[in-house]
Protein backbone atom coordinates (compact mmCIF):
# COMPACT_ATOMS: atom_id res chain seq x y z
CA MET A 1 269.16 94.00 -47.50
CA PRO A 2 268.84 90.21 -47.84
CA PRO A 3 271.53 88.22 -46.03
CA TRP A 4 274.19 86.40 -48.04
CA PRO A 5 275.25 83.21 -46.23
CA ILE A 6 277.48 81.71 -48.96
CA THR A 7 281.12 81.53 -47.84
CA GLY A 8 282.65 79.19 -50.44
CA GLY A 9 282.21 77.05 -53.51
CA LEU A 10 281.65 77.75 -57.21
CA PRO A 11 280.90 81.27 -58.57
CA LEU A 12 277.18 82.05 -58.64
CA LYS A 13 275.02 84.05 -61.06
CA ASN A 14 272.83 85.43 -58.28
CA ASP A 15 275.67 86.46 -55.94
CA ILE A 16 274.50 89.61 -54.11
CA SER A 17 277.38 89.77 -51.64
CA LEU A 18 279.20 93.10 -51.15
CA LYS A 19 282.90 93.55 -51.83
CA PRO A 20 285.14 94.87 -49.01
CA ASP A 21 285.43 98.32 -50.63
CA GLU A 22 281.63 98.52 -50.96
CA ILE A 23 281.20 97.64 -47.29
CA ALA A 24 283.85 100.26 -46.36
CA THR A 25 281.98 102.92 -48.37
CA ILE A 26 278.71 102.16 -46.57
CA CYS A 27 280.43 102.18 -43.16
CA LYS A 28 282.09 105.52 -43.88
CA TRP A 29 278.78 107.00 -45.02
CA ALA A 30 277.10 105.79 -41.82
CA GLU A 31 279.90 107.20 -39.64
CA GLU A 32 279.48 110.59 -41.32
CA GLY A 33 275.80 110.68 -40.39
CA CYS A 34 274.37 109.36 -43.67
CA PRO A 35 274.61 112.66 -45.59
CA ARG A 36 272.38 113.05 -48.62
CA GLY A 37 274.07 113.33 -51.98
CA ASN A 38 273.12 115.53 -54.91
CA PRO A 39 269.53 114.56 -55.86
CA GLN A 40 270.38 115.16 -59.53
CA ASP A 41 272.90 112.30 -59.40
CA ALA A 42 270.37 109.82 -58.00
CA PRO A 43 269.23 106.98 -60.27
CA LYS A 44 265.57 106.60 -61.07
CA PRO A 45 263.66 104.68 -58.36
CA VAL A 46 263.36 100.97 -59.06
CA ILE A 47 259.78 99.92 -59.73
CA PHE A 48 259.18 96.50 -58.23
CA LYS A 49 256.39 94.25 -59.39
CA SER A 50 253.75 93.34 -56.89
CA GLU A 51 254.15 89.94 -55.26
CA GLU A 52 250.70 89.19 -56.67
CA GLU A 53 251.83 89.68 -60.29
CA TRP A 54 253.41 87.14 -62.60
CA ASP A 55 257.14 87.61 -63.05
CA ASP A 56 257.13 87.71 -66.84
CA ASP A 57 256.32 90.28 -69.51
CA ASN A 58 254.21 87.67 -71.30
CA PRO A 59 251.11 86.19 -69.64
CA PRO A 60 251.25 82.54 -68.55
CA ASP A 61 250.02 79.86 -70.93
CA LEU A 62 248.19 78.16 -68.08
CA ILE A 63 247.06 79.36 -64.65
CA LEU A 64 245.98 76.76 -62.10
CA LYS A 65 243.81 78.27 -59.36
CA MET A 66 242.48 76.71 -56.20
CA PRO A 67 239.13 75.27 -57.33
CA GLY A 68 237.57 76.33 -54.04
CA ALA A 69 238.38 77.62 -50.58
CA PHE A 70 240.55 75.48 -48.33
CA HIS A 71 239.67 75.82 -44.63
CA LEU A 72 242.43 75.31 -42.05
CA ALA A 73 241.44 74.55 -38.47
CA ALA A 74 242.61 76.91 -35.74
CA LYS A 75 244.60 74.24 -33.94
CA GLY A 76 246.08 70.84 -34.56
CA GLU A 77 249.05 69.45 -36.41
CA ASP A 78 250.42 70.90 -39.64
CA HIS A 79 248.27 70.00 -42.63
CA TYR A 80 249.57 68.73 -45.99
CA ARG A 81 247.16 69.18 -48.88
CA SER A 82 247.60 67.73 -52.35
CA VAL A 83 245.52 69.44 -55.05
CA VAL A 84 245.53 67.71 -58.45
CA PHE A 85 244.84 69.49 -61.76
CA PRO A 86 244.39 67.27 -64.87
CA LEU A 87 245.99 68.83 -67.95
CA GLY A 88 244.09 66.82 -70.53
CA ASN A 89 247.06 67.14 -72.89
CA LYS A 90 247.08 64.78 -75.88
CA GLU A 91 250.74 65.51 -76.67
CA GLU A 92 253.83 65.98 -74.51
CA LYS A 93 254.41 69.45 -73.06
CA TYR A 94 257.66 71.38 -72.60
CA ILE A 95 257.74 73.66 -69.55
CA ARG A 96 259.92 76.78 -69.71
CA LYS A 97 258.93 78.51 -66.50
CA THR A 98 256.64 78.26 -63.46
CA HIS A 99 255.54 80.70 -60.78
CA PHE A 100 253.74 79.92 -57.49
CA ILE A 101 251.86 82.68 -55.64
CA PRO A 102 250.66 81.72 -52.13
CA GLY A 103 247.11 82.75 -51.39
CA ASN A 104 247.45 83.07 -47.60
CA LYS A 105 251.08 83.70 -46.61
CA LYS A 106 250.27 83.43 -42.91
CA ILE A 107 249.60 79.69 -43.13
CA ILE A 108 251.63 78.38 -46.11
CA HIS A 109 254.97 76.99 -44.94
CA HIS A 110 256.01 75.72 -48.39
CA SER A 111 254.66 74.15 -51.55
CA LEU A 112 256.04 71.44 -53.82
CA THR A 113 254.91 70.95 -57.41
CA PHE A 114 255.00 67.73 -59.42
CA PHE A 115 253.65 66.27 -62.62
CA ASP A 116 252.06 62.82 -62.72
CA GLY A 117 251.86 60.89 -65.98
CA THR A 118 250.24 57.76 -64.53
CA GLY A 119 246.88 59.05 -63.30
CA VAL A 120 247.34 57.72 -59.75
CA MET A 121 247.23 61.20 -58.18
CA LEU A 122 243.91 62.11 -59.76
CA ASP A 123 242.51 58.77 -58.64
CA ALA A 124 243.77 59.46 -55.10
CA GLN A 125 242.08 62.85 -55.07
CA LYS A 126 238.76 61.32 -56.10
CA ARG A 127 239.17 58.58 -53.50
CA LEU A 128 240.51 60.57 -50.55
CA GLY A 129 239.12 64.07 -51.09
CA LYS A 130 237.19 65.88 -48.37
CA ALA A 131 235.63 68.96 -49.93
CA LYS A 132 233.12 69.54 -47.11
CA PRO A 133 233.31 69.24 -43.31
CA PHE A 134 232.20 65.98 -41.78
CA GLY A 135 231.09 67.48 -38.47
CA LEU A 136 230.04 70.83 -37.08
CA GLY A 137 233.34 71.77 -35.42
CA ASP A 138 236.59 73.38 -36.53
CA GLU A 139 237.98 71.18 -39.34
CA ASP A 140 240.43 71.01 -42.23
CA TYR A 141 238.60 70.65 -45.54
CA GLY A 142 238.50 71.91 -49.11
CA PRO A 143 239.81 71.04 -52.58
CA GLY A 144 242.21 68.13 -52.97
CA TYR A 145 242.93 65.67 -50.20
CA GLU A 146 244.99 65.42 -47.03
CA SER A 147 248.19 63.66 -48.04
CA GLY A 148 250.10 63.83 -44.76
CA MET A 149 253.77 62.98 -45.09
CA GLY A 150 254.40 62.41 -48.79
CA LEU A 151 251.61 61.45 -51.18
CA GLY A 152 249.27 59.94 -48.60
CA PHE A 153 249.92 56.45 -49.99
CA ILE A 154 252.76 54.42 -51.50
CA PRO A 155 252.17 54.22 -55.26
CA ASN A 156 252.83 50.96 -57.04
CA PRO A 157 254.60 51.68 -60.37
CA ALA A 158 253.66 48.21 -61.61
CA VAL A 159 249.96 49.12 -61.84
CA ALA A 160 250.51 52.26 -63.91
CA THR A 161 248.87 51.92 -67.30
CA ARG A 162 250.69 54.73 -69.14
CA ASN A 163 253.91 56.74 -69.38
CA HIS A 164 256.14 54.08 -67.81
CA ASP A 165 259.22 55.80 -69.21
CA ASN A 166 258.31 59.17 -67.66
CA PRO A 167 255.79 58.51 -64.87
CA GLY A 168 256.32 61.75 -62.99
CA GLY A 169 258.76 64.23 -61.51
CA GLY A 170 259.29 67.45 -59.61
CA LEU A 171 258.73 70.93 -61.02
CA GLY A 172 260.24 72.84 -58.09
CA GLY A 173 258.76 74.40 -55.01
CA TRP A 174 258.01 77.59 -53.12
CA THR A 175 259.55 78.61 -49.81
CA PRO A 176 259.89 82.04 -48.19
CA GLY A 177 262.25 84.03 -50.39
CA THR A 178 261.50 82.13 -53.62
CA GLY A 179 258.70 82.13 -56.16
CA MET A 180 259.41 82.07 -59.88
CA SER A 181 261.41 79.19 -61.34
CA GLU A 182 262.78 79.48 -64.90
CA ASN A 183 264.70 76.76 -66.72
CA PRO A 184 268.00 77.54 -68.44
CA SER A 185 267.89 78.63 -72.09
CA GLY A 186 266.97 75.74 -74.39
CA ALA A 187 266.26 73.34 -71.48
CA ARG A 188 262.77 72.28 -70.49
CA HIS A 189 260.80 69.92 -68.25
CA LEU A 190 259.16 67.18 -70.31
CA VAL A 191 255.57 66.41 -69.29
CA PRO A 192 254.10 63.33 -71.03
CA PRO A 193 250.62 63.12 -72.60
CA ASP A 194 247.53 62.76 -70.41
CA SER A 195 249.25 64.14 -67.32
CA ALA A 196 248.22 66.05 -64.23
CA ILE A 197 249.94 68.77 -62.20
CA PHE A 198 249.66 68.52 -58.46
CA LEU A 199 250.56 70.92 -55.69
CA GLN A 200 251.45 69.63 -52.25
CA ILE A 201 250.85 72.59 -49.94
CA HIS A 202 252.07 72.58 -46.34
CA TYR A 203 249.76 74.60 -44.07
CA HIS A 204 250.64 75.69 -40.52
CA PRO A 205 247.82 76.58 -38.04
CA THR A 206 247.83 80.09 -36.53
CA GLY A 207 245.50 79.57 -33.57
CA LYS A 208 242.41 80.78 -35.40
CA PRO A 209 240.47 79.45 -38.41
CA GLU A 210 242.08 80.42 -41.71
CA VAL A 211 241.11 80.22 -45.39
CA ASP A 212 243.22 79.88 -48.54
CA LYS A 213 241.25 80.52 -51.70
CA ASP A 214 243.71 82.54 -53.79
CA THR A 215 246.75 80.27 -54.26
CA ARG A 216 247.79 80.19 -57.93
CA PHE A 217 250.34 78.34 -60.03
CA ALA A 218 251.31 79.52 -63.52
CA ILE A 219 253.08 77.67 -66.33
CA TRP A 220 254.78 78.96 -69.48
CA PHE A 221 255.14 76.32 -72.22
CA ASP A 222 257.39 76.07 -75.29
CA LYS A 223 256.21 74.55 -78.56
CA GLU A 224 259.67 73.52 -79.79
CA LYS A 225 261.30 70.30 -78.64
CA PRO A 226 264.09 71.25 -76.20
CA LYS A 227 267.83 70.81 -76.72
CA LYS A 228 268.27 69.75 -73.09
CA TYR A 229 265.97 68.18 -70.52
CA VAL A 230 265.62 69.37 -66.93
CA THR A 231 265.35 67.06 -63.97
CA GLY A 232 266.20 67.18 -60.29
CA TYR A 233 268.22 64.95 -57.99
CA VAL A 234 267.89 64.95 -54.21
CA ALA A 235 271.14 64.77 -52.21
CA ASP A 236 269.84 63.93 -48.75
CA THR A 237 271.40 63.61 -45.31
CA SER A 238 270.89 60.51 -43.19
CA PHE A 239 269.59 61.71 -39.80
CA ARG A 240 266.23 60.74 -38.33
CA LEU A 241 266.56 62.72 -35.09
CA VAL A 242 268.56 65.75 -33.92
CA PRO A 243 269.42 65.28 -30.21
CA LYS A 244 268.70 68.03 -27.72
CA ASN A 245 271.33 70.33 -26.18
CA VAL A 246 273.79 69.82 -29.05
CA ASP A 247 274.94 73.02 -30.77
CA HIS A 248 276.85 71.39 -33.66
CA PHE A 249 275.05 68.23 -34.74
CA LYS A 250 276.32 67.05 -38.12
CA SER A 251 274.57 64.79 -40.64
CA THR A 252 275.95 63.69 -44.02
CA GLY A 253 274.74 61.94 -47.15
CA SER A 254 275.54 61.32 -50.81
CA ARG A 255 274.00 60.80 -54.24
CA VAL A 256 275.64 58.89 -57.11
CA ILE A 257 275.16 60.50 -60.53
CA PRO A 258 273.42 58.01 -62.90
CA VAL A 259 274.28 59.62 -66.28
CA ASP A 260 276.60 62.28 -67.67
CA SER A 261 274.87 65.55 -66.91
CA GLN A 262 275.31 69.23 -66.09
CA LEU A 263 274.65 70.79 -62.68
CA TYR A 264 273.23 74.32 -62.93
CA LEU A 265 271.46 74.91 -59.61
CA ILE A 266 271.78 73.96 -55.93
CA THR A 267 268.94 74.51 -53.46
CA PRO A 268 269.71 73.55 -49.84
CA HIS A 269 266.83 73.16 -47.39
CA MET A 270 266.69 73.01 -43.58
CA HIS A 271 264.32 74.29 -40.91
CA MET A 272 264.73 76.28 -37.69
CA LEU A 273 267.73 74.37 -36.29
CA GLY A 274 269.76 74.77 -39.48
CA LYS A 275 273.20 76.27 -39.07
CA GLU A 276 275.50 75.28 -41.96
CA PHE A 277 275.27 73.37 -45.24
CA ARG A 278 277.95 72.12 -47.66
CA VAL A 279 277.96 70.35 -51.02
CA TRP A 280 280.97 68.62 -52.62
CA HIS A 281 281.61 66.70 -55.84
CA GLN A 282 283.83 63.60 -55.91
CA PRO A 283 284.94 62.43 -59.38
CA LYS A 284 284.58 58.76 -60.24
CA GLY A 285 287.61 56.76 -59.10
CA SER A 286 289.04 59.65 -57.06
CA SER A 287 289.33 60.25 -53.32
CA GLU A 288 289.42 64.03 -53.78
CA ARG A 289 286.38 66.24 -53.26
CA ARG A 290 285.69 69.69 -54.70
CA LEU A 291 283.59 72.15 -52.71
CA LEU A 292 280.60 73.29 -54.77
CA LEU A 293 278.71 75.28 -52.13
CA GLU A 294 279.32 76.29 -48.52
CA LEU A 295 276.62 78.05 -46.53
CA ARG A 296 276.95 79.43 -43.01
CA ASN A 297 274.40 81.27 -40.84
CA TRP A 298 271.36 79.56 -42.40
CA ASP A 299 268.23 81.73 -42.30
CA PHE A 300 264.94 79.89 -42.74
CA ASN A 301 263.23 83.12 -43.85
CA TRP A 302 265.70 83.73 -46.70
CA GLN A 303 265.92 80.48 -48.63
CA THR A 304 267.51 80.81 -52.06
CA ARG A 305 268.04 78.81 -55.23
CA TYR A 306 271.74 79.21 -55.97
CA LEU A 307 272.42 79.39 -59.73
CA LEU A 308 275.92 78.44 -60.87
CA LYS A 309 277.68 81.00 -63.04
CA GLU A 310 278.74 78.16 -65.33
CA ASN A 311 277.27 74.67 -65.54
CA PHE A 312 279.34 72.05 -63.73
CA PHE A 313 279.89 68.69 -65.45
CA LEU A 314 278.86 65.60 -63.47
CA GLU A 315 280.29 62.37 -64.86
CA LYS A 316 278.26 59.18 -64.63
CA GLY A 317 279.39 57.34 -61.49
CA SER A 318 280.70 60.44 -59.73
CA THR A 319 279.22 61.38 -56.35
CA ILE A 320 277.65 64.43 -54.73
CA HIS A 321 278.25 64.65 -50.97
CA VAL A 322 276.25 66.86 -48.60
CA GLU A 323 276.67 67.90 -44.97
CA ALA A 324 274.15 69.69 -42.77
CA VAL A 325 274.91 71.14 -39.33
CA TYR A 326 272.24 71.90 -36.71
CA ASP A 327 272.09 73.86 -33.46
CA ASN A 328 269.57 72.26 -31.10
CA SER A 329 270.68 74.18 -28.03
CA SER A 330 269.19 77.00 -25.98
CA ASN A 331 271.73 79.33 -27.65
CA ASN A 332 269.82 79.09 -30.94
CA PRO A 333 267.26 81.95 -30.91
CA ASN A 334 265.28 80.20 -33.67
CA ASN A 335 264.88 76.95 -31.72
CA PRO A 336 261.12 76.26 -31.66
CA TYR A 337 261.35 74.72 -28.18
CA SER A 338 262.59 76.08 -24.85
CA PRO A 339 264.03 74.09 -23.24
CA PRO A 340 265.31 72.17 -26.28
CA ARG A 341 263.88 68.74 -27.05
CA PRO A 342 264.80 66.02 -29.56
CA ILE A 343 263.70 67.03 -33.07
CA PHE A 344 262.65 64.40 -35.61
CA LEU A 345 262.97 64.43 -39.37
CA GLY A 346 259.68 65.66 -40.81
CA GLU A 347 257.89 68.30 -42.89
CA SER A 348 256.44 70.30 -39.99
CA THR A 349 258.03 73.67 -39.21
CA THR A 350 259.02 72.32 -35.80
CA ASP A 351 260.50 69.15 -37.34
CA GLU A 352 263.78 69.25 -39.26
CA MET A 353 265.11 68.52 -42.74
CA GLY A 354 268.50 68.54 -44.46
CA PHE A 355 268.86 68.03 -48.20
CA ALA A 356 269.86 69.78 -51.41
CA VAL A 357 267.88 69.70 -54.63
CA LEU A 358 270.25 69.60 -57.59
CA GLY A 359 269.08 71.20 -60.83
CA ILE A 360 270.27 68.90 -63.63
CA LEU A 361 270.47 69.20 -67.44
CA ARG A 362 270.53 66.03 -69.53
CA ASP A 363 270.82 65.31 -73.24
CA ASN A 364 268.13 62.64 -73.10
CA PRO A 365 264.68 62.74 -71.48
CA PRO A 366 264.53 61.66 -67.80
CA ASP A 367 263.89 57.95 -67.40
CA GLY A 368 261.62 57.74 -64.39
CA GLY A 369 263.92 58.97 -61.63
CA LYS A 370 262.58 58.19 -58.17
CA ASP A 371 264.49 60.67 -55.98
CA PHE A 372 261.44 62.57 -54.75
CA LEU A 373 259.36 59.43 -54.31
CA LYS A 374 262.11 57.86 -52.20
CA TYR A 375 262.32 61.00 -50.09
CA LEU A 376 258.58 61.04 -49.48
CA GLU A 377 258.77 57.38 -48.42
CA LYS A 378 261.57 58.32 -46.02
CA LEU A 379 259.32 60.95 -44.44
CA LEU A 380 256.67 58.31 -43.85
CA GLU A 381 259.28 56.15 -42.11
CA ALA A 382 260.37 59.09 -39.98
CA GLU A 383 256.77 59.81 -38.99
CA ALA A 384 256.34 56.19 -37.91
CA LEU A 385 259.54 56.45 -35.82
CA LYS A 386 258.30 59.67 -34.28
CA LYS A 387 255.07 58.00 -33.18
CA LEU A 388 256.95 54.98 -31.91
CA LEU A 389 259.40 56.97 -29.79
CA GLY A 390 257.16 59.93 -29.01
CA GLY A 391 256.23 58.53 -25.64
CA THR A 392 259.73 57.47 -24.65
CA VAL A 393 261.92 60.35 -25.86
CA ALA A 394 261.83 62.94 -23.09
CA PRO A 395 261.54 66.66 -23.96
């Protein structure tokens, strides 16, 4: 049974927690030796879809497949691969649903998906791609290009020649425990004409050469113009380093809401040191905060998108506050290092993160929000700090 770490906040659609009387029934049944009931009273077995099948009765409108095999070296640092797929769309597209299926689950840590309306990502792939090995040894190579932390470069919005009002944005991501992402009824992502979809896939070496040739990403489109538009805000914490031998390290952050909007989803994200996560809302002009989500006993292997039972109104000028708590002590069985060592902000499994993606509904199309771009730039800064202090921060 999947764990349920939510201990407070707003009611959720996907709440799978057990009520006290349900827990008591299970405990009593276990104490009695787990007797079998009358087989005639048993419900029909649930038929689950294969993890390799699309989670929809209708086939996707578009399936993006890896255009070739990506080869991951046996050893070395984690590898971040951006693979860009031009859509060639002459008109704007409205995305209802997406589904990512990892091709090689042993090596894919996570994947993020974006759309780019400016063309800079396709240009980067042509410029930076390494489809074949350069030498004769064990190398990382294949479709796309190695982007490292972020996009692999800092884009300059001023040089974009098209779609200035909607240059790009996030379409969600895949982590262990997630896959399909469907927008609320009547709300869609708006993708401008002449766009590209790009996947940023985080690969983690296993100690032997690996291949990913089967990763797929599916999209379901709508033809009708949506009633609401979907976008995402990032509410990020402020840490750059989690000190060693601290079992309750706390980092906080906030995000001011730019326009009247509706919150429908909260997706917290941490790595192996994660312990607790909280999200509050503070109305404009008020000192009071309302708890939206409280999570204890974080489990990296069971990451969930938490869907609110009812949309929560966010007034322009109000603030979302977040708090992440980490355990970087030897008492944490998930700590990647023994003895503990300082852990930097970063995308690697053995680095750490602490943010919440907020699923937002707006009446008007998004106007070039830069949340994800700013976060990717922050990762580049953290990587530079890591290299700068790597030789002076003792394990």
